Amino acid sequence: MSLKRVTPGMIDYATSIGNCRRHPHSVLAALAAVMWIGCTTPALAQTVSGLSLNDAILVTLHGNRDVQISEAQVQIADALVQQALGTFDPLLTVEARRNEDRRPLTQAEQFVTPVLTDLSGSGSGLDASVEKRLRSGPTLLGSAASTYLQNSTSRVLGLPSQTTRSIAFGLRVPLARGAGEGNSANSTLKAGEQDLAAASAERRYAVSLALRDAAIAYWEYSSRWRQLEITRSGEERTLGLLQELRKLVAADEVPAADIDLAQANHFERINSRIIAEQALLEAQQALGRRMGLTSQLQREIGQPLTPPPAPEAVTNLPAVNLLLERALLRRGDWQAIERRVLALGERLAGSRDLTRPQIDLTLLVSSNSLQEGAGISGVVNPVGGNAAGPSVAAILNFQLPVGNNTATGQMRQASALLSEAEIRREPLRADIGAAVEASSALVRRSADALRGSAQIVERYAKTLEHERTRRRLGVATLIDVINVEDRYFRALLDEVQRRSTYAISVVRLGHEVDALVGTAGDQFEVNLASFMRFALP
């Protein structure tokens, strides 16, 4: 199954792996790329006629294992945030009761009710309560209860059954542990939110890194393909020269010693072709691995269709300090470590909160009512009966583990982890600065070297034609022609390598300053144009 080519433009990479939204004119190409990975039909055995850089990028987005792992890490972080939010979920409790009790009568009860042999009673009740913890620390309380009681003694004495009801509202305020925005539960939630943001940044960086490596592998593969073509062409030329010399030697027009020189030159070209074939195979496998393909699909990768870019916009490169400023502002790995540091700071604040004693003040306001003669139906009746004035209560609770080693150990661990993260942050900043500077210099220098290589090839091509003409005129020898042709051959290979080096330098710089992948809401935008020339989106 051959991949359809894609017009360079923007790819939107959704937060869910496998959801690739393209512009309308590119939808079929995206689907073709996905089908190429997921299809298990015999069509996979067909040779892929060609692979463009756009297709390689699309396949990498869906097949690269690191991208898939980073997506799973985001889902894990999001699940941990949801788990931390559970601390602040309202807690609703409902309890229903029904009981029948019997016990022997006391002497006093027998004296009062001689007709009874035992005391029986029945009752039912319905209780409901709700708690809601606020992120700032306090907890809102609410409860309602209704209880129905009746016993045999009351019936004999003519006393009515009773239904009591109560409703209460309260507020539990932490005075030490759990107080303020820095309480342990809220700090855990905020740390989880920072970890989620870090995981999202790491995912975007993983996408950029995967696409960088895939693009580099593509240019390496393209270079090896072109070098193999050059070595095969060189082998054909030396073979033609060898056959021509054999005819001339047979006609006694040139000495037989020239055959040995031509044959040795031809063997050199054969060895170069063999080495180029092996290098192409290794480059093909490397590209397939970067794209996330199986070993079977790696063998199906065909001719690279996208030519390397020409060095045109090098003079428009911003200054290194501006590139570094952009990199620190946008790069996912830097944003991730910044978020991780913030998350560890929140965890340190939460663990410090746990070292404080538990001192809670609970304030309650309640109202009670009584209804006589009501049966079981009265339990669920929200109105009726005599109500008393409001009751108030204040409860102070104190709790502290002796030694509190668990909380102290957690705080020490959180402090050490925060220090470690801060230490790691500085080398990363230095690495980013060095990478930006080196990549920027490589773009400029590889562009200059490529221009020089093109002129070298052009001049060697003219020189080779002159030497061949001189040899036909008898002015130059065979060794003169072979020496120039060998230099021309090396110049061709060198130009191909320098084209690849320049293309790779553009991709590397784009990755270092985060120009390959941007964000659009909860989606990623992959700028295909930035893989061909350095451009800041």
Protein backbone atom coordinates (compact mmCIF):
# COMPACT_ATOMS: atom_id res chain seq x y z
CA MET A 1 0.00 0.00 0.00
CA SER A 2 1.61 3.25 -1.06
CA LEU A 3 1.27 6.40 0.94
CA LYS A 4 -0.32 9.47 -0.60
CA ARG A 5 1.75 12.60 -0.58
CA VAL A 6 0.74 15.50 1.59
CA THR A 7 0.87 19.16 0.77
CA PRO A 8 3.09 20.91 3.35
CA GLY A 9 1.01 22.71 5.92
CA MET A 10 -0.08 22.38 9.52
CA ILE A 11 -0.86 19.12 11.29
CA ASP A 12 -3.05 19.30 14.41
CA TYR A 13 -2.05 16.52 16.77
CA ALA A 14 -4.88 15.95 19.27
CA THR A 15 -4.26 15.17 22.91
CA SER A 16 -5.53 11.65 22.34
CA ILE A 17 -3.13 9.43 20.41
CA GLY A 18 -4.68 8.34 17.17
CA ASN A 19 -6.76 11.48 16.63
CA CYS A 20 -4.97 13.36 13.87
CA ARG A 21 -6.95 16.27 12.47
CA ARG A 22 -5.71 17.65 9.18
CA HIS A 23 -6.94 20.36 6.87
CA PRO A 24 -9.67 19.02 4.60
CA HIS A 25 -7.39 18.53 1.57
CA SER A 26 -5.04 16.32 3.63
CA VAL A 27 -7.48 14.02 5.43
CA LEU A 28 -6.98 11.14 3.00
CA ALA A 29 -3.24 11.32 3.40
CA ALA A 30 -3.51 11.14 7.20
CA LEU A 31 -5.81 8.15 6.94
CA ALA A 32 -3.46 6.49 4.51
CA ALA A 33 -0.60 6.92 6.96
CA VAL A 34 -2.62 5.41 9.79
CA MET A 35 -3.81 2.52 7.62
CA TRP A 36 -0.24 1.79 6.62
CA ILE A 37 0.63 1.18 10.27
CA GLY A 38 -2.46 -0.61 11.44
CA CYS A 39 -3.25 -2.75 8.42
CA THR A 40 -2.36 -6.43 8.68
CA THR A 41 -3.61 -7.55 5.29
CA PRO A 42 -1.42 -9.03 2.54
CA ALA A 43 -1.36 -5.57 0.95
CA LEU A 44 1.54 -4.79 3.28
CA ALA A 45 3.69 -7.12 1.22
CA GLN A 46 3.48 -4.74 -1.71
CA THR A 47 6.46 -2.46 -2.23
CA VAL A 48 5.99 1.14 -1.20
CA SER A 49 6.85 3.16 -4.28
CA GLY A 50 8.06 6.17 -2.33
CA LEU A 51 7.98 7.95 0.99
CA SER A 52 7.83 11.72 1.46
CA LEU A 53 8.95 13.55 4.57
CA ASN A 54 5.33 14.53 5.26
CA ASP A 55 4.28 10.89 5.24
CA ALA A 56 7.13 9.94 7.57
CA ILE A 57 6.02 12.63 10.03
CA LEU A 58 2.41 11.46 9.94
CA VAL A 59 3.35 7.86 10.53
CA THR A 60 5.67 8.84 13.37
CA LEU A 61 2.88 10.73 15.13
CA HIS A 62 0.83 7.54 15.31
CA GLY A 63 3.49 4.86 15.51
CA ASN A 64 6.31 6.21 17.67
CA ARG A 65 6.39 4.39 21.01
CA ASP A 66 7.79 7.34 22.97
CA VAL A 67 4.87 9.49 21.84
CA GLN A 68 2.42 6.81 22.93
CA ILE A 69 4.16 6.44 26.30
CA SER A 70 4.06 10.21 26.87
CA GLU A 71 0.33 10.17 26.15
CA ALA A 72 -0.13 7.43 28.75
CA GLN A 73 1.85 9.54 31.25
CA VAL A 74 -0.56 12.42 30.68
CA GLN A 75 -3.51 10.14 31.32
CA ILE A 76 -1.87 8.89 34.53
CA ALA A 77 -1.27 12.45 35.74
CA ASP A 78 -4.84 13.42 34.90
CA ALA A 79 -6.14 10.41 36.83
CA LEU A 80 -4.04 11.43 39.86
CA VAL A 81 -5.57 14.92 39.73
CA GLN A 82 -9.03 13.37 39.69
CA GLN A 83 -8.01 11.19 42.61
CA ALA A 84 -6.80 14.23 44.58
CA LEU A 85 -10.08 16.01 43.82
CA GLY A 86 -11.89 13.17 45.58
CA THR A 87 -10.80 14.63 48.92
CA PHE A 88 -13.14 17.56 48.29
CA ASP A 89 -16.08 15.53 47.02
CA PRO A 90 -19.27 15.88 49.14
CA LEU A 91 -19.77 12.83 51.36
CA LEU A 92 -23.40 11.78 51.67
CA THR A 93 -24.39 9.21 54.28
CA VAL A 94 -27.90 7.75 54.62
CA GLU A 95 -28.90 5.21 57.25
CA ALA A 96 -32.29 3.54 57.78
CA ARG A 97 -33.14 1.45 60.88
CA ARG A 98 -35.94 -0.83 62.01
CA ASN A 99 -35.87 -2.78 65.27
CA GLU A 100 -38.07 -5.00 67.50
CA ASP A 101 -36.83 -5.50 71.09
CA ARG A 102 -38.04 -7.73 73.96
CA ARG A 103 -36.74 -7.99 77.52
CA PRO A 104 -38.02 -9.15 80.93
CA LEU A 105 -39.82 -6.67 83.18
CA THR A 106 -38.28 -5.35 86.34
CA GLN A 107 -40.20 -5.67 89.62
CA ALA A 108 -41.20 -2.05 89.47
CA GLU A 109 -42.49 -2.46 85.90
CA GLN A 110 -44.41 -5.63 86.90
CA PHE A 111 -46.02 -3.71 89.72
CA VAL A 112 -47.11 -0.95 87.37
CA THR A 113 -48.21 -3.22 84.51
CA PRO A 114 -49.13 -6.63 85.99
CA VAL A 115 -50.80 -7.67 82.74
CA LEU A 116 -47.49 -7.78 80.90
CA THR A 117 -45.02 -10.63 81.09
CA ASP A 118 -42.23 -8.88 79.20
CA LEU A 119 -41.46 -5.52 77.70
CA SER A 120 -41.52 -5.21 73.92
CA GLY A 121 -40.63 -2.22 71.85
CA SER A 122 -40.27 -1.26 68.27
CA GLY A 123 -38.63 1.59 66.49
CA SER A 124 -37.47 2.91 63.18
CA GLY A 125 -35.25 5.72 62.07
CA LEU A 126 -33.83 7.53 59.11
CA ASP A 127 -30.57 9.51 59.32
CA ALA A 128 -28.90 11.52 56.57
CA SER A 129 -25.73 13.59 56.73
CA VAL A 130 -23.50 15.41 54.27
CA GLU A 131 -19.95 16.77 54.55
CA LYS A 132 -18.17 19.02 52.10
CA ARG A 133 -14.51 19.87 52.61
CA LEU A 134 -13.38 23.18 51.17
CA ARG A 135 -9.96 23.61 49.56
CA SER A 136 -9.18 26.36 52.07
CA GLY A 137 -9.53 23.89 54.97
CA PRO A 138 -12.97 24.21 56.67
CA THR A 139 -15.59 21.48 56.34
CA LEU A 140 -19.32 22.18 55.93
CA LEU A 141 -21.59 19.84 57.91
CA GLY A 142 -25.28 19.08 57.61
CA SER A 143 -27.49 16.33 59.05
CA ALA A 144 -31.11 15.38 59.49
CA ALA A 145 -32.55 12.54 61.63
CA SER A 146 -36.01 11.15 62.39
CA THR A 147 -36.67 8.41 64.98
CA TYR A 148 -39.92 6.60 65.87
CA LEU A 149 -40.24 4.73 69.24
CA GLN A 150 -43.09 2.63 70.73
CA ASN A 151 -43.18 0.02 73.53
CA SER A 152 -45.75 -2.19 75.22
CA THR A 153 -45.59 -0.34 78.54
CA SER A 154 -46.61 2.90 76.87
CA ARG A 155 -49.53 1.19 75.17
CA VAL A 156 -50.80 -0.27 78.46
CA LEU A 157 -50.46 3.07 80.22
CA GLY A 158 -52.12 4.86 77.34
CA LEU A 159 -49.06 6.87 76.42
CA PRO A 160 -48.69 7.72 72.72
CA SER A 161 -45.72 6.70 70.63
CA GLN A 162 -43.15 9.35 69.83
CA THR A 163 -41.36 10.56 66.74
CA THR A 164 -38.40 12.86 67.21
CA ARG A 165 -36.76 14.82 64.45
CA SER A 166 -33.62 16.93 64.31
CA ILE A 167 -31.82 18.99 61.73
CA ALA A 168 -28.35 20.43 62.23
CA PHE A 169 -25.83 22.56 60.38
CA GLY A 170 -22.22 22.96 61.32
CA LEU A 171 -18.77 24.12 60.37
CA ARG A 172 -15.53 22.37 61.31
CA VAL A 173 -12.61 24.81 61.23
CA PRO A 174 -9.02 23.53 61.43
CA LEU A 175 -6.87 25.78 63.60
CA ALA A 176 -3.50 24.14 62.94
CA ARG A 177 -3.15 21.17 60.61
CA GLY A 178 -5.30 21.56 57.51
CA ALA A 179 -5.77 25.32 57.85
CA GLY A 180 -5.25 27.71 54.94
CA GLU A 181 -4.52 27.19 51.26
CA GLY A 182 -1.33 25.31 52.12
CA ASN A 183 -3.13 22.44 53.80
CA SER A 184 -2.04 18.94 52.88
CA ALA A 185 -5.10 18.02 50.80
CA ASN A 186 -5.08 21.23 48.78
CA SER A 187 -1.30 21.05 48.29
CA THR A 188 -1.64 17.50 46.99
CA LEU A 189 -4.23 18.65 44.48
CA LYS A 190 -2.17 21.65 43.35
CA ALA A 191 0.91 19.44 43.04
CA GLY A 192 -1.10 17.03 40.90
CA GLU A 193 -2.23 19.88 38.66
CA GLN A 194 1.39 20.98 38.23
CA ASP A 195 2.40 17.39 37.45
CA LEU A 196 -0.36 17.22 34.84
CA ALA A 197 0.92 20.41 33.22
CA ALA A 198 4.45 18.97 33.33
CA ALA A 199 3.29 15.72 31.73
CA SER A 200 1.56 17.68 28.96
CA ALA A 201 4.74 19.68 28.36
CA GLU A 202 6.79 16.48 28.33
CA ARG A 203 4.37 14.97 25.85
CA ARG A 204 4.80 17.94 23.51
CA TYR A 205 8.56 17.67 23.90
CA ALA A 206 8.36 13.93 23.20
CA VAL A 207 6.44 14.69 20.00
CA SER A 208 9.05 17.24 18.95
CA LEU A 209 11.87 14.85 19.80
CA ALA A 210 10.26 11.97 17.93
CA LEU A 211 9.64 14.12 14.86
CA ARG A 212 13.19 15.50 15.02
CA ASP A 213 14.66 12.01 15.13
CA ALA A 214 12.34 10.80 12.37
CA ALA A 215 13.25 13.77 10.15
CA ILE A 216 16.97 13.24 10.80
CA ALA A 217 16.60 9.56 10.00
CA TYR A 218 14.70 10.50 6.83
CA TRP A 219 17.48 12.83 5.64
CA GLU A 220 20.07 10.17 6.47
CA TYR A 221 18.07 7.65 4.50
CA SER A 222 17.71 10.09 1.61
CA SER A 223 21.44 10.73 1.68
CA ARG A 224 22.27 7.01 1.66
CA TRP A 225 19.87 6.45 -1.22
CA ARG A 226 21.50 9.17 -3.30
CA GLN A 227 25.00 7.97 -2.40
CA LEU A 228 24.09 4.47 -3.55
CA GLU A 229 22.89 5.90 -6.85
CA ILE A 230 26.22 7.74 -7.23
CA THR A 231 28.27 4.63 -6.44
CA ARG A 232 26.26 2.57 -8.91
CA SER A 233 26.72 5.22 -11.57
CA GLY A 234 30.44 5.32 -10.82
CA GLU A 235 30.61 1.54 -11.05
CA GLU A 236 28.90 1.65 -14.45
CA ARG A 237 31.34 4.31 -15.69
CA THR A 238 34.41 2.35 -14.59
CA LEU A 239 32.97 -0.79 -16.14
CA GLY A 240 32.42 1.04 -19.42
CA LEU A 241 35.98 2.38 -19.27
CA LEU A 242 37.32 -1.11 -18.59
CA GLN A 243 35.42 -2.58 -21.53
CA GLU A 244 36.63 0.20 -23.79
CA LEU A 245 40.25 -0.39 -22.76
CA ARG A 246 39.97 -4.10 -23.42
CA LYS A 247 38.92 -3.35 -26.98
CA LEU A 248 41.76 -0.87 -27.40
CA VAL A 249 44.30 -3.33 -25.96
CA ALA A 250 43.03 -6.02 -28.31
CA ALA A 251 43.55 -3.56 -31.17
CA ASP A 252 47.08 -2.71 -29.89
CA GLU A 253 46.12 0.95 -29.50
CA VAL A 254 46.93 1.21 -25.75
CA PRO A 255 49.36 -0.77 -23.57
CA ALA A 256 47.98 -3.79 -21.66
CA ALA A 257 49.23 -2.29 -18.37
CA ASP A 258 46.33 0.17 -18.48
CA ILE A 259 43.95 -2.74 -17.91
CA ASP A 260 45.29 -3.35 -14.40
CA LEU A 261 44.79 0.29 -13.42
CA ALA A 262 41.26 0.38 -14.85
CA GLN A 263 40.38 -2.94 -13.21
CA ALA A 264 41.63 -1.79 -9.81
CA ASN A 265 39.60 1.42 -10.21
CA HIS A 266 36.54 -0.66 -11.08
CA PHE A 267 36.99 -2.89 -8.02
CA GLU A 268 37.16 0.20 -5.83
CA ARG A 269 33.80 1.31 -7.22
CA ILE A 270 32.33 -2.14 -6.56
CA ASN A 271 33.49 -1.97 -2.94
CA SER A 272 32.03 1.53 -2.61
CA ARG A 273 28.70 0.27 -3.93
CA ILE A 274 28.68 -2.65 -1.48
CA ILE A 275 29.38 -0.32 1.44
CA ALA A 276 26.68 2.08 0.23
CA GLU A 277 24.13 -0.75 0.03
CA GLN A 278 24.83 -1.75 3.62
CA ALA A 279 24.64 1.88 4.76
CA LEU A 280 21.29 2.28 2.98
CA LEU A 281 19.89 -0.82 4.68
CA GLU A 282 20.94 0.45 8.10
CA ALA A 283 19.49 3.90 7.37
CA GLN A 284 16.23 2.30 6.22
CA GLN A 285 15.97 0.31 9.46
CA ALA A 286 16.80 3.36 11.56
CA LEU A 287 14.06 5.37 9.83
CA GLY A 288 11.55 2.56 10.30
CA ARG A 289 12.32 2.33 14.00
CA ARG A 290 11.91 6.08 14.43
CA MET A 291 8.54 5.85 12.70
CA GLY A 292 7.50 2.99 14.97
CA LEU A 293 7.26 0.37 12.22
CA THR A 294 7.76 -3.35 12.60
CA SER A 295 10.78 -5.01 11.00
CA GLN A 296 8.55 -6.29 8.19
CA LEU A 297 7.21 -2.81 7.41
CA GLN A 298 10.71 -1.32 7.58
CA ARG A 299 11.65 -3.36 4.51
CA GLU A 300 8.70 -1.84 2.63
CA ILE A 301 10.01 1.72 2.81
CA GLY A 302 10.68 2.88 -0.73
CA GLN A 303 12.49 5.74 -2.39
CA PRO A 304 12.63 9.05 -0.48
CA LEU A 305 10.57 11.55 -2.43
CA THR A 306 11.37 14.83 -0.67
CA PRO A 307 14.62 16.47 -1.80
CA PRO A 308 16.83 18.13 0.85
CA PRO A 309 16.27 21.87 1.29
CA ALA A 310 18.51 24.50 -0.27
CA PRO A 311 20.27 26.95 2.09
CA GLU A 312 18.35 30.15 1.45
CA ALA A 313 17.14 31.72 4.70
CA VAL A 314 20.30 31.36 6.78
CA THR A 315 20.98 35.08 6.88
CA ASN A 316 17.62 35.60 8.58
CA LEU A 317 18.53 33.60 11.69
CA PRO A 318 17.87 35.54 14.91
CA ALA A 319 20.68 36.16 17.37
CA VAL A 320 21.62 33.32 19.70
CA ASN A 321 20.39 35.14 22.81
CA LEU A 322 16.96 35.61 21.22
CA LEU A 323 16.83 31.94 20.24
CA LEU A 324 17.76 30.90 23.77
CA GLU A 325 15.11 33.19 25.23
CA ARG A 326 12.52 31.59 22.98
CA ALA A 327 13.71 28.09 23.85
CA LEU A 328 13.38 28.71 27.60
CA LEU A 329 9.94 30.20 27.04
CA ARG A 330 8.53 27.36 24.92
CA ARG A 331 10.52 24.14 25.19
CA GLY A 332 8.54 21.33 26.74
CA ASP A 333 11.39 19.82 28.74
CA TRP A 334 12.17 23.18 30.37
CA GLN A 335 8.51 23.90 31.08
CA ALA A 336 8.17 20.39 32.51
CA ILE A 337 11.03 20.74 34.97
CA GLU A 338 9.71 24.15 36.03
CA ARG A 339 6.33 22.58 36.71
CA ARG A 340 7.94 19.67 38.55
CA VAL A 341 9.75 22.09 40.83
CA LEU A 342 6.46 23.86 41.58
CA ALA A 343 4.78 20.51 42.25
CA LEU A 344 7.52 19.48 44.67
CA GLY A 345 7.18 22.84 46.39
CA GLU A 346 3.48 22.16 46.91
CA ARG A 347 4.24 18.70 48.27
CA LEU A 348 6.76 20.19 50.68
CA ALA A 349 4.12 22.65 51.91
CA GLY A 350 1.63 19.80 52.31
CA SER A 351 4.07 17.61 54.23
CA ARG A 352 4.97 20.55 56.48
CA ASP A 353 1.27 20.96 57.23
CA LEU A 354 1.12 17.35 58.44
CA THR A 355 3.76 18.04 61.10
CA ARG A 356 1.41 20.43 62.91
CA PRO A 357 -1.04 19.22 65.57
CA GLN A 358 -4.65 18.53 64.68
CA ILE A 359 -6.76 21.22 66.38
CA ASP A 360 -10.32 21.46 65.09
CA LEU A 361 -13.14 23.72 66.24
CA THR A 362 -16.60 22.47 65.32
CA LEU A 363 -19.60 24.81 65.56
CA LEU A 364 -23.11 23.28 65.39
CA VAL A 365 -26.60 24.77 65.20
CA SER A 366 -29.53 22.36 65.42
CA SER A 367 -33.29 22.28 65.79
CA ASN A 368 -35.34 19.44 67.36
CA SER A 369 -39.02 18.60 67.17
CA LEU A 370 -41.31 16.01 68.74
CA GLN A 371 -44.53 14.51 67.41
CA GLU A 372 -46.68 12.18 69.53
CA GLY A 373 -48.88 9.44 68.19
CA ALA A 374 -47.13 9.21 64.84
CA GLY A 375 -46.47 5.81 63.34
CA ILE A 376 -43.79 4.66 60.94
CA SER A 377 -45.07 7.06 58.31
CA GLY A 378 -44.15 9.90 60.62
CA VAL A 379 -40.53 9.08 60.32
CA VAL A 380 -40.34 10.35 56.80
CA ASN A 381 -42.76 13.21 57.36
CA PRO A 382 -40.60 16.34 57.28
CA VAL A 383 -43.16 18.57 59.05
CA GLY A 384 -45.40 18.34 62.03
CA GLY A 385 -44.93 18.13 65.80
CA ASN A 386 -43.69 20.60 68.33
CA ALA A 387 -40.36 22.32 67.60
CA ALA A 388 -37.95 23.69 70.15
CA GLY A 389 -35.69 26.67 69.75
CA PRO A 390 -32.28 26.26 68.16
CA SER A 391 -29.49 24.46 69.99
CA VAL A 392 -25.86 25.45 69.67
CA ALA A 393 -22.68 23.57 70.43
CA ALA A 394 -18.95 24.16 70.17
CA ILE A 395 -16.48 21.26 70.15
CA LEU A 396 -12.70 21.59 70.36
CA ASN A 397 -10.63 18.58 69.32
CA PHE A 398 -6.85 18.15 69.76
CA GLN A 399 -4.77 15.31 68.34
CA LEU A 400 -1.01 14.88 67.90
CA PRO A 401 1.03 11.67 67.45
CA VAL A 402 3.88 11.58 69.93
CA GLY A 403 7.09 12.11 67.95
CA ASN A 404 5.16 12.49 64.67
CA ASN A 405 7.92 10.62 62.82
CA THR A 406 5.79 9.78 59.80
CA ALA A 407 5.01 13.41 58.94
CA THR A 408 8.54 14.56 59.74
CA GLY A 409 10.02 11.89 57.47
CA GLN A 410 7.69 12.88 54.65
CA MET A 411 8.67 16.53 55.04
CA ARG A 412 12.39 15.69 54.92
CA GLN A 413 11.88 13.56 51.83
CA ALA A 414 9.88 16.29 50.07
CA SER A 415 12.57 18.86 50.90
CA ALA A 416 15.33 16.64 49.50
CA LEU A 417 13.35 15.94 46.31
CA LEU A 418 12.79 19.67 45.79
CA SER A 419 16.51 20.38 46.23
CA GLU A 420 17.34 17.63 43.74
CA ALA A 421 14.95 19.04 41.15
CA GLU A 422 16.37 22.55 41.55
CA ILE A 423 19.88 21.18 41.11
CA ARG A 424 18.86 19.34 37.94
CA ARG A 425 17.25 22.45 36.51
CA GLU A 426 20.47 24.43 36.16
CA PRO A 427 22.38 21.84 34.05
CA LEU A 428 19.35 21.58 31.78
CA ARG A 429 19.40 25.33 31.23
CA ALA A 430 23.10 25.15 30.38
CA ASP A 431 22.51 22.21 28.03
CA ILE A 432 19.72 24.07 26.24
CA GLY A 433 21.91 27.14 25.80
CA ALA A 434 24.80 25.08 24.44
CA ALA A 435 22.51 23.14 22.09
CA VAL A 436 20.90 26.31 20.74
CA GLU A 437 24.26 27.96 20.11
CA ALA A 438 25.76 24.86 18.48
CA SER A 439 22.70 24.22 16.31
CA SER A 440 22.55 27.84 15.16
CA ALA A 441 26.24 27.78 14.23
CA LEU A 442 25.81 24.46 12.43
CA VAL A 443 23.01 25.85 10.26
CA ARG A 444 25.19 28.76 9.14
CA ARG A 445 28.34 26.74 8.59
CA SER A 446 26.69 23.78 6.91
CA ALA A 447 24.96 26.21 4.53
CA ASP A 448 28.30 27.79 3.62
CA ALA A 449 29.92 24.37 3.21
CA LEU A 450 27.07 23.20 0.99
CA ARG A 451 27.46 26.17 -1.32
CA GLY A 452 31.16 25.42 -1.56
CA SER A 453 30.49 21.75 -2.28
CA ALA A 454 28.19 22.63 -5.16
CA GLN A 455 30.93 24.75 -6.75
CA ILE A 456 33.48 21.97 -6.22
CA VAL A 457 31.25 19.45 -8.00
CA GLU A 458 30.66 21.84 -10.87
CA ARG A 459 34.38 22.53 -11.37
CA TYR A 460 35.38 18.87 -11.08
CA ALA A 461 32.74 17.95 -13.66
CA LYS A 462 34.26 20.45 -16.11
CA THR A 463 37.78 19.26 -15.31
CA LEU A 464 36.78 15.65 -15.92
CA GLU A 465 35.42 16.49 -19.35
CA HIS A 466 38.64 18.35 -20.17
CA GLU A 467 40.77 15.38 -19.06
CA ARG A 468 38.75 12.97 -21.16
CA THR A 469 39.15 15.25 -24.15
CA ARG A 470 42.90 15.54 -23.53
CA ARG A 471 43.17 11.76 -23.25
CA ARG A 472 41.42 11.30 -26.58
CA LEU A 473 43.91 13.76 -28.04
CA GLY A 474 46.77 11.83 -26.44
CA VAL A 475 47.82 14.69 -24.15
CA ALA A 476 46.61 13.12 -20.85
CA THR A 477 47.09 9.60 -19.55
CA LEU A 478 44.57 7.15 -18.19
CA ILE A 479 45.74 7.74 -14.64
CA ASP A 480 45.10 11.45 -15.08
CA VAL A 481 41.49 10.72 -16.03
CA ILE A 482 41.03 8.24 -13.17
CA ASN A 483 42.46 10.67 -10.61
CA VAL A 484 40.12 13.46 -11.68
CA GLU A 485 37.15 11.12 -11.88
CA ASP A 486 37.93 9.82 -8.38
CA ARG A 487 37.95 13.39 -7.06
CA TYR A 488 34.71 14.08 -8.89
CA PHE A 489 33.21 10.92 -7.39
CA ARG A 490 34.27 11.97 -3.87
CA ALA A 491 32.95 15.48 -4.45
CA LEU A 492 29.55 14.11 -5.44
CA LEU A 493 29.36 11.98 -2.28
CA ASP A 494 30.55 14.91 -0.18
CA GLU A 495 27.89 17.21 -1.63
CA VAL A 496 25.16 14.69 -0.86
CA GLN A 497 26.41 14.38 2.71
CA ARG A 498 26.58 18.14 3.14
CA ARG A 499 23.03 18.51 1.85
CA SER A 500 21.95 15.99 4.45
CA THR A 501 23.97 17.79 7.14
CA TYR A 502 22.32 21.10 6.31
CA ALA A 503 18.82 19.56 6.31
CA ILE A 504 19.54 17.89 9.64
CA SER A 505 20.89 21.14 11.11
CA VAL A 506 17.64 22.94 10.20
CA VAL A 507 15.59 20.26 11.96
CA ARG A 508 17.87 20.25 15.00
CA LEU A 509 17.67 24.00 15.43
CA GLY A 510 13.90 23.92 14.98
CA HIS A 511 13.68 21.32 17.73
CA GLU A 512 16.03 23.16 20.09
CA VAL A 513 13.95 26.35 19.95
CA ASP A 514 10.62 24.47 19.81
CA ALA A 515 9.70 25.55 16.30
CA LEU A 516 8.60 22.11 15.09
CA VAL A 517 5.58 21.65 17.35
CA GLY A 518 3.27 24.34 18.66
CA THR A 519 0.11 24.30 20.74
CA ALA A 520 -3.43 25.22 19.81
CA GLY A 521 -5.71 24.81 22.80
CA ASP A 522 -5.53 21.18 23.87
CA GLN A 523 -3.97 20.12 20.55
CA PHE A 524 -0.56 20.21 18.94
CA GLU A 525 0.26 21.90 15.67
CA VAL A 526 3.08 20.39 13.64
CA ASN A 527 4.50 22.93 11.21
CA LEU A 528 5.67 20.92 8.20
CA ALA A 529 7.39 23.94 6.67
CA SER A 530 9.77 24.17 9.64
CA PHE A 531 11.28 20.81 8.63
CA MET A 532 12.47 22.30 5.33
CA ARG A 533 13.65 25.72 6.43
CA PHE A 534 14.15 27.41 9.76
CA ALA A 535 11.03 29.41 10.55
CA LEU A 536 9.56 30.51 13.86
CA PRO A 537 5.78 29.96 13.91
